[in-house]
């Protein structure tokens, strides 16, 4: 386990760090610095046409990087975030093309792990895709992750109590809401709190 100070230093140096969310481990780096994002693509062996999410620390951050938000967005955010939900919205001009692969949308994640939250608040937005090689199982097991990246990542935070269940991905970038990946939060959970959702 690495201290928060050392994790901060690694991020400031443009390096990637492995951090827990509430679901699985992610490999995090500064989202607005292209070399840092490129490093994560290389470490994961991830195709460049596969977009990244922005990990943010607040509702205001979501508004800062999106546009044409649905009227119920604040209600949704307050009800489920921080937590295992990824929300896709229309991207505004502040989102670099190296994040969303030139798409007109971008995903937002607001994980609830306290160490990860603190680092996002200090250094964010951060990218934080699952800590695994592209195409392999999501990063559930810490020892497997460290072996996978073969000590190429020096900053890491271990946590033995992750659920191992991926976040639900909710696409709100068009008129009709879509669940792109069913995870810890169900469609019924979403509608119970935000009946305005138009699936």
N, C-alpha and C. Protein backbone atom coordinates (compact mmCIF):
# COMPACT_ATOMS: atom_id res chain seq x y z
N UNK A 1 0.84 -1.19 0.00
CA UNK A 1 0.00 0.00 0.00
C UNK A 1 0.88 1.24 0.00
N UNK A 2 0.49 2.22 -0.76
CA UNK A 2 1.25 3.46 -0.91
C UNK A 2 0.53 4.58 -0.17
N UNK A 3 1.28 5.51 0.41
CA UNK A 3 0.64 6.62 1.12
C UNK A 3 -0.05 7.53 0.12
N UNK A 4 -1.04 8.30 0.61
CA UNK A 4 -1.75 9.25 -0.26
C UNK A 4 -0.76 10.26 -0.84
N UNK A 5 0.23 10.67 -0.04
CA UNK A 5 1.23 11.63 -0.52
C UNK A 5 1.98 11.05 -1.72
N UNK A 6 2.37 9.78 -1.62
CA UNK A 6 3.09 9.16 -2.73
C UNK A 6 2.20 8.95 -3.95
N UNK A 7 0.95 8.61 -3.71
CA UNK A 7 0.00 8.48 -4.82
C UNK A 7 -0.16 9.82 -5.53
N UNK A 8 -0.26 10.89 -4.75
CA UNK A 8 -0.36 12.23 -5.34
C UNK A 8 0.87 12.56 -6.17
N UNK A 9 2.04 12.20 -5.65
CA UNK A 9 3.28 12.48 -6.38
C UNK A 9 3.32 11.72 -7.71
N UNK A 10 2.88 10.46 -7.68
CA UNK A 10 2.85 9.68 -8.91
C UNK A 10 1.93 10.32 -9.95
N UNK A 11 0.75 10.76 -9.52
CA UNK A 11 -0.17 11.43 -10.44
C UNK A 11 0.44 12.71 -10.99
N UNK A 12 1.10 13.48 -10.13
CA UNK A 12 1.72 14.73 -10.56
C UNK A 12 2.85 14.49 -11.55
N UNK A 13 3.50 13.33 -11.45
CA UNK A 13 4.58 12.99 -12.37
C UNK A 13 4.05 12.44 -13.70
N UNK A 14 2.72 12.36 -13.81
CA UNK A 14 2.15 11.85 -15.05
C UNK A 14 2.02 10.35 -15.09
N UNK A 15 2.20 9.71 -13.93
CA UNK A 15 2.13 8.26 -13.86
C UNK A 15 0.70 7.79 -13.57
N UNK A 16 0.49 6.49 -13.70
CA UNK A 16 -0.78 5.87 -13.38
C UNK A 16 -0.70 5.22 -12.00
N UNK A 17 -1.83 5.17 -11.31
CA UNK A 17 -1.90 4.52 -10.00
C UNK A 17 -3.11 3.59 -9.98
N UNK A 18 -3.00 2.51 -9.23
CA UNK A 18 -4.10 1.57 -9.08
C UNK A 18 -4.85 1.90 -7.79
N UNK A 19 -6.15 2.16 -7.93
CA UNK A 19 -6.97 2.56 -6.78
C UNK A 19 -8.27 1.77 -6.76
N UNK A 20 -8.84 1.55 -5.58
CA UNK A 20 -10.14 0.89 -5.49
C UNK A 20 -11.28 1.88 -5.73
N UNK A 21 -12.34 1.40 -6.34
CA UNK A 21 -13.61 2.14 -6.34
C UNK A 21 -14.46 1.45 -5.27
N UNK A 22 -15.77 1.39 -5.44
CA UNK A 22 -16.56 0.55 -4.55
C UNK A 22 -16.88 -0.79 -5.22
N UNK A 23 -16.43 -0.95 -6.46
CA UNK A 23 -16.78 -2.14 -7.25
C UNK A 23 -15.53 -2.98 -7.54
N UNK A 24 -14.66 -2.46 -8.38
CA UNK A 24 -13.41 -3.13 -8.75
C UNK A 24 -12.27 -2.11 -8.67
N UNK A 25 -11.06 -2.56 -8.92
CA UNK A 25 -9.92 -1.64 -8.97
C UNK A 25 -9.88 -0.95 -10.33
N UNK A 26 -9.46 0.32 -10.31
CA UNK A 26 -9.24 1.06 -11.54
C UNK A 26 -7.79 1.48 -11.65
N UNK A 27 -7.37 1.79 -12.87
CA UNK A 27 -6.03 2.34 -13.09
C UNK A 27 -6.23 3.81 -13.47
N UNK A 28 -5.80 4.70 -12.58
CA UNK A 28 -6.15 6.12 -12.66
C UNK A 28 -4.96 6.97 -13.12
N UNK A 29 -5.29 8.04 -13.83
CA UNK A 29 -4.29 9.02 -14.26
C UNK A 29 -5.01 10.32 -14.58
N UNK A 30 -4.24 11.40 -14.72
CA UNK A 30 -4.84 12.71 -14.98
C UNK A 30 -5.47 12.75 -16.37
N UNK A 31 -6.77 13.06 -16.39
CA UNK A 31 -7.54 12.97 -17.63
C UNK A 31 -7.20 14.07 -18.64
N UNK A 32 -6.80 15.24 -18.16
CA UNK A 32 -6.58 16.38 -19.06
C UNK A 32 -5.14 16.44 -19.56
N UNK A 33 -4.33 15.46 -19.21
CA UNK A 33 -2.93 15.40 -19.67
C UNK A 33 -2.78 14.20 -20.59
N UNK A 34 -2.63 14.46 -21.89
CA UNK A 34 -2.64 13.39 -22.88
C UNK A 34 -1.57 12.33 -22.63
N UNK A 35 -0.33 12.68 -22.27
CA UNK A 35 0.66 11.62 -22.04
C UNK A 35 0.24 10.65 -20.92
N UNK A 36 -0.43 11.16 -19.90
CA UNK A 36 -0.89 10.30 -18.81
C UNK A 36 -1.98 9.34 -19.31
N UNK A 37 -2.89 9.86 -20.13
CA UNK A 37 -3.94 9.02 -20.69
C UNK A 37 -3.34 7.99 -21.65
N UNK A 38 -2.39 8.42 -22.48
CA UNK A 38 -1.72 7.49 -23.40
C UNK A 38 -1.05 6.35 -22.63
N UNK A 39 -0.45 6.68 -21.48
CA UNK A 39 0.20 5.65 -20.67
C UNK A 39 -0.80 4.58 -20.24
N UNK A 40 -2.00 4.99 -19.82
CA UNK A 40 -3.00 4.01 -19.39
C UNK A 40 -3.46 3.15 -20.57
N UNK A 41 -3.64 3.78 -21.74
CA UNK A 41 -3.98 2.99 -22.93
C UNK A 41 -2.91 1.93 -23.20
N UNK A 42 -1.63 2.34 -23.06
CA UNK A 42 -0.53 1.40 -23.31
C UNK A 42 -0.49 0.30 -22.26
N UNK A 43 -0.63 0.66 -20.99
CA UNK A 43 -0.58 -0.33 -19.93
C UNK A 43 -1.70 -1.37 -20.06
N UNK A 44 -2.88 -0.89 -20.43
CA UNK A 44 -4.03 -1.79 -20.57
C UNK A 44 -4.06 -2.50 -21.94
N UNK A 45 -3.22 -2.04 -22.88
CA UNK A 45 -3.28 -2.54 -24.26
C UNK A 45 -4.68 -2.33 -24.82
N UNK A 46 -5.20 -1.15 -24.56
CA UNK A 46 -6.58 -0.81 -24.89
C UNK A 46 -6.62 -0.10 -26.25
N UNK A 47 -7.55 -0.46 -27.13
CA UNK A 47 -7.68 0.25 -28.41
C UNK A 47 -8.02 1.72 -28.18
N UNK A 48 -7.43 2.59 -28.99
CA UNK A 48 -7.64 4.02 -28.81
C UNK A 48 -9.04 4.48 -29.19
N UNK A 49 -9.78 3.63 -29.90
CA UNK A 49 -11.16 4.03 -30.23
C UNK A 49 -12.14 3.64 -29.13
N UNK A 50 -11.63 3.11 -28.02
CA UNK A 50 -12.47 2.77 -26.87
C UNK A 50 -12.34 3.90 -25.85
N UNK A 51 -13.42 4.69 -25.74
CA UNK A 51 -13.36 5.94 -24.96
C UNK A 51 -13.15 5.67 -23.47
N UNK A 52 -12.65 6.69 -22.77
CA UNK A 52 -12.47 6.67 -21.33
C UNK A 52 -13.57 7.49 -20.65
N UNK A 53 -13.81 7.19 -19.37
CA UNK A 53 -14.71 8.00 -18.55
C UNK A 53 -13.93 9.07 -17.80
N UNK A 54 -14.64 10.09 -17.35
CA UNK A 54 -14.07 11.08 -16.43
C UNK A 54 -14.52 10.73 -15.01
N UNK A 55 -13.56 10.54 -14.13
CA UNK A 55 -13.86 10.37 -12.71
C UNK A 55 -13.82 11.75 -12.06
N UNK A 56 -14.93 12.13 -11.47
CA UNK A 56 -15.09 13.49 -10.95
C UNK A 56 -15.43 13.44 -9.46
N UNK A 57 -15.43 14.63 -8.84
CA UNK A 57 -15.62 14.71 -7.40
C UNK A 57 -16.92 15.39 -6.99
N UNK A 58 -17.70 15.86 -7.97
CA UNK A 58 -18.91 16.61 -7.60
C UNK A 58 -19.87 16.71 -8.78
N UNK A 59 -21.09 17.09 -8.47
CA UNK A 59 -22.09 17.37 -9.50
C UNK A 59 -21.64 18.54 -10.37
N UNK A 60 -21.01 19.53 -9.76
CA UNK A 60 -20.51 20.69 -10.52
C UNK A 60 -19.50 20.25 -11.58
N UNK A 61 -18.67 19.26 -11.25
CA UNK A 61 -17.69 18.76 -12.22
C UNK A 61 -18.41 18.14 -13.42
N UNK A 62 -19.49 17.42 -13.16
CA UNK A 62 -20.26 16.81 -14.26
C UNK A 62 -20.81 17.91 -15.17
N UNK A 63 -21.37 18.95 -14.58
CA UNK A 63 -21.90 20.05 -15.38
C UNK A 63 -20.80 20.75 -16.17
N UNK A 64 -19.60 20.79 -15.61
CA UNK A 64 -18.48 21.50 -16.24
C UNK A 64 -18.01 20.84 -17.52
N UNK A 65 -18.27 19.53 -17.68
CA UNK A 65 -17.77 18.82 -18.86
C UNK A 65 -18.90 18.23 -19.71
N UNK A 66 -20.13 18.69 -19.51
CA UNK A 66 -21.24 18.15 -20.29
C UNK A 66 -22.16 19.27 -20.75
N UNK A 67 -23.13 18.94 -21.57
CA UNK A 67 -24.11 19.91 -22.04
C UNK A 67 -25.44 19.20 -22.28
N UNK A 68 -26.50 20.00 -22.42
CA UNK A 68 -27.84 19.47 -22.69
C UNK A 68 -28.23 18.39 -21.69
N UNK A 69 -27.96 18.65 -20.42
CA UNK A 69 -28.25 17.68 -19.37
C UNK A 69 -29.76 17.54 -19.17
N UNK A 70 -30.25 16.33 -18.87
CA UNK A 70 -31.67 16.17 -18.56
C UNK A 70 -32.04 16.90 -17.27
N UNK A 71 -33.28 17.31 -17.16
CA UNK A 71 -33.71 18.12 -16.02
C UNK A 71 -33.61 17.35 -14.70
N UNK A 72 -33.64 16.03 -14.78
CA UNK A 72 -33.60 15.22 -13.55
C UNK A 72 -32.18 14.81 -13.16
N UNK A 73 -31.16 15.35 -13.84
CA UNK A 73 -29.78 14.89 -13.60
C UNK A 73 -29.36 15.09 -12.15
N UNK A 74 -29.64 16.25 -11.57
CA UNK A 74 -29.21 16.50 -10.19
C UNK A 74 -29.86 15.50 -9.23
N UNK A 75 -31.13 15.21 -9.46
CA UNK A 75 -31.84 14.23 -8.62
C UNK A 75 -31.17 12.86 -8.73
N UNK A 76 -30.79 12.48 -9.93
CA UNK A 76 -30.13 11.20 -10.16
C UNK A 76 -28.79 11.14 -9.46
N UNK A 77 -28.01 12.22 -9.62
CA UNK A 77 -26.68 12.28 -9.01
C UNK A 77 -26.78 12.22 -7.49
N UNK A 78 -27.67 13.01 -6.93
CA UNK A 78 -27.80 13.03 -5.47
C UNK A 78 -28.29 11.69 -4.93
N UNK A 79 -29.06 10.97 -5.72
CA UNK A 79 -29.61 9.70 -5.27
C UNK A 79 -28.64 8.53 -5.35
N UNK A 80 -27.71 8.57 -6.32
CA UNK A 80 -26.88 7.39 -6.56
C UNK A 80 -25.37 7.64 -6.50
N UNK A 81 -24.95 8.88 -6.47
CA UNK A 81 -23.51 9.16 -6.46
C UNK A 81 -23.11 9.89 -5.19
N UNK A 82 -21.91 9.61 -4.66
CA UNK A 82 -20.96 8.63 -5.19
C UNK A 82 -21.47 7.21 -5.06
N UNK A 83 -21.12 6.38 -6.03
CA UNK A 83 -21.58 5.01 -6.03
C UNK A 83 -21.36 4.35 -7.38
N UNK A 84 -21.84 3.10 -7.53
CA UNK A 84 -21.52 2.28 -8.71
C UNK A 84 -22.39 2.57 -9.93
N UNK A 85 -22.38 3.81 -10.37
CA UNK A 85 -23.15 4.22 -11.54
C UNK A 85 -22.28 5.10 -12.44
N UNK A 86 -22.21 4.74 -13.72
CA UNK A 86 -21.56 5.57 -14.73
C UNK A 86 -22.65 6.23 -15.56
N UNK A 87 -22.60 7.55 -15.67
CA UNK A 87 -23.61 8.30 -16.41
C UNK A 87 -22.98 8.89 -17.67
N UNK A 88 -23.55 8.56 -18.83
CA UNK A 88 -23.06 9.10 -20.10
C UNK A 88 -23.94 10.27 -20.51
N UNK A 89 -23.28 11.41 -20.79
CA UNK A 89 -23.97 12.63 -21.20
C UNK A 89 -23.33 13.17 -22.48
N UNK A 90 -23.97 14.15 -23.08
CA UNK A 90 -23.35 14.84 -24.21
C UNK A 90 -22.13 15.61 -23.70
N UNK A 91 -21.03 15.48 -24.41
CA UNK A 91 -19.78 16.15 -24.02
C UNK A 91 -19.76 17.58 -24.54
N UNK A 92 -19.18 18.48 -23.75
CA UNK A 92 -18.97 19.83 -24.26
C UNK A 92 -17.54 19.99 -24.76
N UNK A 93 -17.18 21.22 -25.15
CA UNK A 93 -15.88 21.46 -25.78
C UNK A 93 -14.70 21.30 -24.83
N UNK A 94 -14.96 21.19 -23.54
CA UNK A 94 -13.87 21.02 -22.57
C UNK A 94 -13.35 19.59 -22.50
N UNK A 95 -14.08 18.64 -23.07
CA UNK A 95 -13.66 17.24 -23.03
C UNK A 95 -12.66 16.97 -24.15
N UNK A 96 -11.41 16.62 -23.84
CA UNK A 96 -10.42 16.37 -24.90
C UNK A 96 -10.79 15.14 -25.74
N UNK A 97 -10.41 15.18 -27.00
CA UNK A 97 -10.72 14.06 -27.89
C UNK A 97 -10.01 12.78 -27.44
N UNK A 98 -8.90 12.91 -26.69
CA UNK A 98 -8.21 11.69 -26.24
C UNK A 98 -8.95 10.99 -25.10
N UNK A 99 -9.98 11.64 -24.55
CA UNK A 99 -10.81 11.00 -23.53
C UNK A 99 -11.96 10.23 -24.18
N UNK A 100 -12.71 10.91 -25.06
CA UNK A 100 -13.92 10.28 -25.60
C UNK A 100 -13.77 9.83 -27.05
N UNK A 101 -12.51 9.71 -27.50
CA UNK A 101 -12.22 9.19 -28.84
C UNK A 101 -12.97 9.94 -29.93
N UNK A 102 -13.21 11.24 -29.71
CA UNK A 102 -13.87 12.06 -30.70
C UNK A 102 -15.38 11.90 -30.75
N UNK A 103 -15.95 11.14 -29.82
CA UNK A 103 -17.41 10.99 -29.77
C UNK A 103 -18.05 12.28 -29.26
N UNK A 104 -19.37 12.38 -29.39
CA UNK A 104 -20.06 13.57 -28.88
C UNK A 104 -20.59 13.36 -27.47
N UNK A 105 -20.18 12.26 -26.83
CA UNK A 105 -20.62 11.97 -25.47
C UNK A 105 -19.42 11.62 -24.59
N UNK A 106 -19.66 11.60 -23.28
CA UNK A 106 -18.60 11.23 -22.33
C UNK A 106 -19.25 10.63 -21.09
N UNK A 107 -18.59 9.64 -20.51
CA UNK A 107 -19.10 9.00 -19.30
C UNK A 107 -18.53 9.64 -18.05
N UNK A 108 -19.32 9.68 -16.99
CA UNK A 108 -18.89 10.24 -15.71
C UNK A 108 -19.00 9.17 -14.62
N UNK A 109 -17.97 9.11 -13.81
CA UNK A 109 -17.93 8.16 -12.69
C UNK A 109 -17.57 8.95 -11.44
N UNK A 110 -18.19 8.60 -10.31
CA UNK A 110 -17.97 9.30 -9.04
C UNK A 110 -17.86 8.21 -7.97
N UNK A 111 -16.70 7.53 -7.90
CA UNK A 111 -16.56 6.40 -6.98
C UNK A 111 -16.58 6.84 -5.52
N UNK A 112 -16.98 5.91 -4.64
CA UNK A 112 -17.19 6.29 -3.25
C UNK A 112 -16.02 5.94 -2.32
N UNK A 113 -14.99 5.28 -2.82
CA UNK A 113 -13.88 4.94 -1.92
C UNK A 113 -13.19 6.22 -1.44
N UNK A 114 -12.97 6.39 -0.13
CA UNK A 114 -12.47 7.67 0.39
C UNK A 114 -11.11 8.08 -0.13
N UNK A 115 -10.18 7.14 -0.28
CA UNK A 115 -8.85 7.49 -0.80
C UNK A 115 -8.96 7.95 -2.25
N UNK A 116 -9.73 7.21 -3.04
CA UNK A 116 -9.89 7.56 -4.45
C UNK A 116 -10.61 8.90 -4.59
N UNK A 117 -11.64 9.12 -3.78
CA UNK A 117 -12.34 10.41 -3.80
C UNK A 117 -11.39 11.57 -3.52
N UNK A 118 -10.55 11.40 -2.52
CA UNK A 118 -9.62 12.47 -2.14
C UNK A 118 -8.67 12.81 -3.28
N UNK A 119 -8.16 11.79 -3.94
CA UNK A 119 -7.22 12.01 -5.04
C UNK A 119 -7.92 12.63 -6.25
N UNK A 120 -9.16 12.24 -6.51
CA UNK A 120 -9.92 12.86 -7.61
C UNK A 120 -10.17 14.33 -7.30
N UNK A 121 -10.53 14.63 -6.06
CA UNK A 121 -10.78 16.02 -5.68
C UNK A 121 -9.53 16.87 -5.83
N UNK A 122 -8.37 16.30 -5.54
CA UNK A 122 -7.12 17.06 -5.59
C UNK A 122 -6.53 17.15 -7.00
N UNK A 123 -6.71 16.10 -7.79
CA UNK A 123 -6.00 16.02 -9.08
C UNK A 123 -6.92 15.86 -10.28
N UNK A 124 -8.21 15.76 -10.05
CA UNK A 124 -9.14 15.40 -11.10
C UNK A 124 -9.46 16.50 -12.09
N UNK A 125 -10.20 16.14 -13.12
CA UNK A 125 -10.75 14.80 -13.31
C UNK A 125 -9.67 13.78 -13.65
N UNK A 126 -9.93 12.54 -13.30
CA UNK A 126 -9.02 11.44 -13.60
C UNK A 126 -9.74 10.43 -14.48
N UNK A 127 -8.97 9.75 -15.32
CA UNK A 127 -9.51 8.54 -15.94
C UNK A 127 -9.28 7.41 -14.94
N UNK A 128 -10.11 6.38 -15.02
CA UNK A 128 -9.96 5.26 -14.09
C UNK A 128 -10.60 3.99 -14.59
N UNK A 129 -10.24 3.54 -15.81
CA UNK A 129 -10.83 2.29 -16.31
C UNK A 129 -10.41 1.12 -15.42
N UNK A 130 -11.10 0.03 -15.55
CA UNK A 130 -10.79 -1.14 -14.74
C UNK A 130 -9.33 -1.55 -14.90
N UNK A 131 -8.72 -1.94 -13.80
CA UNK A 131 -7.28 -2.26 -13.78
C UNK A 131 -7.06 -3.69 -14.28
N UNK A 132 -7.13 -3.85 -15.58
CA UNK A 132 -6.88 -5.14 -16.22
C UNK A 132 -6.42 -4.89 -17.64
N UNK A 133 -5.81 -5.89 -18.24
CA UNK A 133 -5.50 -5.81 -19.66
C UNK A 133 -6.81 -5.84 -20.45
N UNK A 134 -6.86 -5.11 -21.54
CA UNK A 134 -8.07 -5.00 -22.33
C UNK A 134 -8.57 -6.37 -22.76
N UNK A 135 -9.87 -6.60 -22.58
CA UNK A 135 -10.47 -7.86 -22.96
C UNK A 135 -10.48 -8.91 -21.87
N UNK A 136 -9.77 -8.65 -20.77
CA UNK A 136 -9.74 -9.60 -19.66
C UNK A 136 -10.76 -9.20 -18.60
N UNK A 137 -10.94 -10.06 -17.61
CA UNK A 137 -11.91 -9.80 -16.55
C UNK A 137 -11.56 -8.51 -15.81
N UNK A 138 -12.59 -7.78 -15.37
CA UNK A 138 -12.39 -6.55 -14.61
C UNK A 138 -11.47 -6.80 -13.42
N UNK A 139 -10.78 -5.72 -13.00
CA UNK A 139 -9.76 -5.84 -11.97
C UNK A 139 -10.31 -6.07 -10.57
N UNK A 140 -10.57 -7.33 -10.23
CA UNK A 140 -11.17 -7.66 -8.94
C UNK A 140 -10.14 -8.01 -7.87
N UNK A 141 -9.02 -8.59 -8.29
CA UNK A 141 -8.08 -9.17 -7.33
C UNK A 141 -6.74 -8.45 -7.40
N UNK A 142 -6.35 -7.90 -6.26
CA UNK A 142 -5.20 -7.01 -6.21
C UNK A 142 -3.91 -7.69 -6.69
N UNK A 143 -3.64 -8.89 -6.21
CA UNK A 143 -2.40 -9.56 -6.59
C UNK A 143 -2.35 -9.84 -8.09
N UNK A 144 -3.50 -10.20 -8.64
CA UNK A 144 -3.57 -10.46 -10.09
C UNK A 144 -3.28 -9.18 -10.87
N UNK A 145 -3.79 -8.07 -10.38
CA UNK A 145 -3.57 -6.78 -11.04
C UNK A 145 -2.09 -6.44 -11.06
N UNK A 146 -1.42 -6.57 -9.93
CA UNK A 146 -0.01 -6.21 -9.86
C UNK A 146 0.83 -7.12 -10.76
N UNK A 147 0.47 -8.39 -10.84
CA UNK A 147 1.17 -9.30 -11.75
C UNK A 147 0.91 -8.91 -13.20
N UNK A 148 -0.33 -8.52 -13.48
CA UNK A 148 -0.71 -8.17 -14.84
C UNK A 148 0.11 -6.99 -15.37
N UNK A 149 0.33 -6.00 -14.50
CA UNK A 149 1.08 -4.82 -14.94
C UNK A 149 2.58 -4.93 -14.63
N UNK A 150 2.99 -6.07 -14.07
CA UNK A 150 4.41 -6.41 -13.93
C UNK A 150 5.24 -5.27 -13.34
N UNK A 151 4.72 -4.70 -12.26
CA UNK A 151 5.43 -3.63 -11.53
C UNK A 151 5.65 -2.37 -12.37
N UNK A 152 4.88 -2.21 -13.44
CA UNK A 152 4.97 -0.97 -14.23
C UNK A 152 4.26 0.18 -13.52
N UNK A 153 3.40 -0.15 -12.57
CA UNK A 153 2.69 0.87 -11.79
C UNK A 153 3.26 0.86 -10.38
N UNK A 154 3.71 2.01 -9.91
CA UNK A 154 4.38 2.08 -8.61
C UNK A 154 3.44 2.52 -7.49
N UNK A 155 2.36 3.22 -7.83
CA UNK A 155 1.42 3.69 -6.82
C UNK A 155 0.18 2.83 -6.77
N UNK A 156 -0.18 2.36 -5.58
CA UNK A 156 -1.36 1.50 -5.48
C UNK A 156 -1.96 1.58 -4.08
N UNK A 157 -3.26 1.35 -4.04
CA UNK A 157 -4.01 1.33 -2.78
C UNK A 157 -4.82 0.04 -2.76
N UNK A 158 -4.57 -0.82 -1.79
CA UNK A 158 -5.23 -2.11 -1.69
C UNK A 158 -6.50 -1.97 -0.84
N UNK A 159 -7.52 -2.78 -1.16
CA UNK A 159 -8.74 -2.82 -0.37
C UNK A 159 -9.39 -4.18 -0.60
N UNK A 160 -9.51 -4.96 0.46
CA UNK A 160 -10.00 -6.33 0.33
C UNK A 160 -11.52 -6.42 0.31
N UNK A 161 -12.23 -5.30 0.37
CA UNK A 161 -13.68 -5.35 0.58
C UNK A 161 -14.49 -4.82 -0.61
N UNK A 162 -13.94 -4.91 -1.80
CA UNK A 162 -14.69 -4.47 -2.97
C UNK A 162 -15.75 -5.51 -3.33
N UNK A 163 -16.83 -5.05 -3.95
CA UNK A 163 -17.92 -5.97 -4.27
C UNK A 163 -17.58 -6.87 -5.45
N UNK A 164 -16.73 -6.38 -6.36
CA UNK A 164 -16.43 -7.15 -7.57
C UNK A 164 -17.49 -7.05 -8.63
N UNK A 165 -18.54 -6.27 -8.38
CA UNK A 165 -19.63 -6.08 -9.35
C UNK A 165 -19.42 -4.74 -10.05
N UNK A 166 -19.38 -4.75 -11.37
CA UNK A 166 -19.12 -3.52 -12.12
C UNK A 166 -20.23 -2.49 -11.91
N UNK A 167 -19.89 -1.23 -12.20
CA UNK A 167 -20.90 -0.17 -12.15
C UNK A 167 -21.90 -0.36 -13.28
N UNK A 168 -23.12 0.09 -13.05
CA UNK A 168 -24.13 0.17 -14.10
C UNK A 168 -23.80 1.36 -14.99
N UNK A 169 -23.89 1.18 -16.31
CA UNK A 169 -23.65 2.27 -17.25
C UNK A 169 -24.99 2.74 -17.80
N UNK A 170 -25.33 3.99 -17.52
CA UNK A 170 -26.59 4.59 -17.94
C UNK A 170 -26.31 5.69 -18.96
N UNK A 171 -26.81 5.49 -20.17
CA UNK A 171 -26.59 6.44 -21.26
C UNK A 171 -27.75 7.44 -21.33
N UNK A 172 -27.44 8.70 -21.04
CA UNK A 172 -28.43 9.78 -21.11
C UNK A 172 -28.06 10.80 -22.18
N UNK A 173 -27.29 10.37 -23.18
CA UNK A 173 -26.81 11.31 -24.19
C UNK A 173 -27.82 11.55 -25.32
N UNK A 174 -28.93 10.81 -25.31
CA UNK A 174 -29.99 11.04 -26.31
C UNK A 174 -31.33 11.12 -25.58
N UNK A 175 -32.42 11.23 -26.33
CA UNK A 175 -33.74 11.43 -25.73
C UNK A 175 -34.18 10.26 -24.87
N UNK A 176 -33.78 9.06 -25.26
CA UNK A 176 -34.23 7.87 -24.54
C UNK A 176 -33.07 7.29 -23.73
N UNK A 177 -33.29 7.06 -22.46
CA UNK A 177 -32.26 6.48 -21.59
C UNK A 177 -32.02 5.01 -21.96
N UNK A 178 -30.75 4.59 -21.86
CA UNK A 178 -30.39 3.20 -22.14
C UNK A 178 -29.42 2.71 -21.08
N UNK A 179 -29.59 1.48 -20.65
CA UNK A 179 -28.59 0.84 -19.79
C UNK A 179 -27.66 0.05 -20.69
N UNK A 180 -26.41 0.48 -20.77
CA UNK A 180 -25.43 -0.17 -21.64
C UNK A 180 -24.74 -1.34 -20.95
N UNK A 181 -24.71 -1.29 -19.64
CA UNK A 181 -24.17 -2.42 -18.87
C UNK A 181 -24.94 -2.50 -17.55
N UNK A 182 -25.51 -3.66 -17.30
CA UNK A 182 -26.20 -3.86 -16.03
C UNK A 182 -25.18 -4.22 -14.96
N UNK A 183 -25.11 -3.40 -13.93
CA UNK A 183 -24.18 -3.62 -12.85
C UNK A 183 -24.89 -3.64 -11.52
N UNK A 184 -24.30 -2.97 -10.54
CA UNK A 184 -24.79 -3.03 -9.16
C UNK A 184 -26.15 -2.35 -8.98
N UNK A 185 -26.47 -1.38 -9.84
CA UNK A 185 -27.74 -0.65 -9.73
C UNK A 185 -28.65 -1.08 -10.86
N UNK A 186 -29.87 -1.51 -10.52
CA UNK A 186 -30.80 -2.03 -11.53
C UNK A 186 -31.65 -0.92 -12.13
N UNK A 187 -32.29 -1.25 -13.25
CA UNK A 187 -33.25 -0.33 -13.87
C UNK A 187 -34.36 0.02 -12.89
N UNK A 188 -34.80 -0.96 -12.11
CA UNK A 188 -35.85 -0.74 -11.13
C UNK A 188 -35.39 0.22 -10.03
N UNK A 189 -34.13 0.08 -9.60
CA UNK A 189 -33.56 1.00 -8.61
C UNK A 189 -33.60 2.43 -9.13
N UNK A 190 -33.21 2.60 -10.39
CA UNK A 190 -33.16 3.93 -10.99
C UNK A 190 -34.56 4.54 -11.08
N UNK A 191 -35.51 3.75 -11.57
CA UNK A 191 -36.87 4.28 -11.76
C UNK A 191 -37.58 4.55 -10.43
N UNK A 192 -37.22 3.78 -9.41
CA UNK A 192 -37.84 4.00 -8.10
C UNK A 192 -37.52 5.38 -7.55
N UNK A 193 -36.32 5.87 -7.84
CA UNK A 193 -35.92 7.18 -7.35
C UNK A 193 -36.14 8.29 -8.37
N UNK A 194 -35.98 7.95 -9.65
CA UNK A 194 -36.11 8.94 -10.72
C UNK A 194 -37.09 8.42 -11.76
N UNK A 195 -38.39 8.48 -11.47
CA UNK A 195 -39.38 7.95 -12.43
C UNK A 195 -39.42 8.73 -13.74
N UNK A 196 -38.81 9.91 -13.77
CA UNK A 196 -38.77 10.70 -15.01
C UNK A 196 -37.88 10.07 -16.09
N UNK A 197 -37.05 9.11 -15.71
CA UNK A 197 -36.19 8.45 -16.69
C UNK A 197 -37.03 7.83 -17.80
N UNK A 198 -36.65 8.11 -19.04
CA UNK A 198 -37.42 7.66 -20.20
C UNK A 198 -36.69 6.53 -20.89
N UNK A 199 -36.98 5.29 -20.49
CA UNK A 199 -36.33 4.13 -21.12
C UNK A 199 -37.12 3.68 -22.35
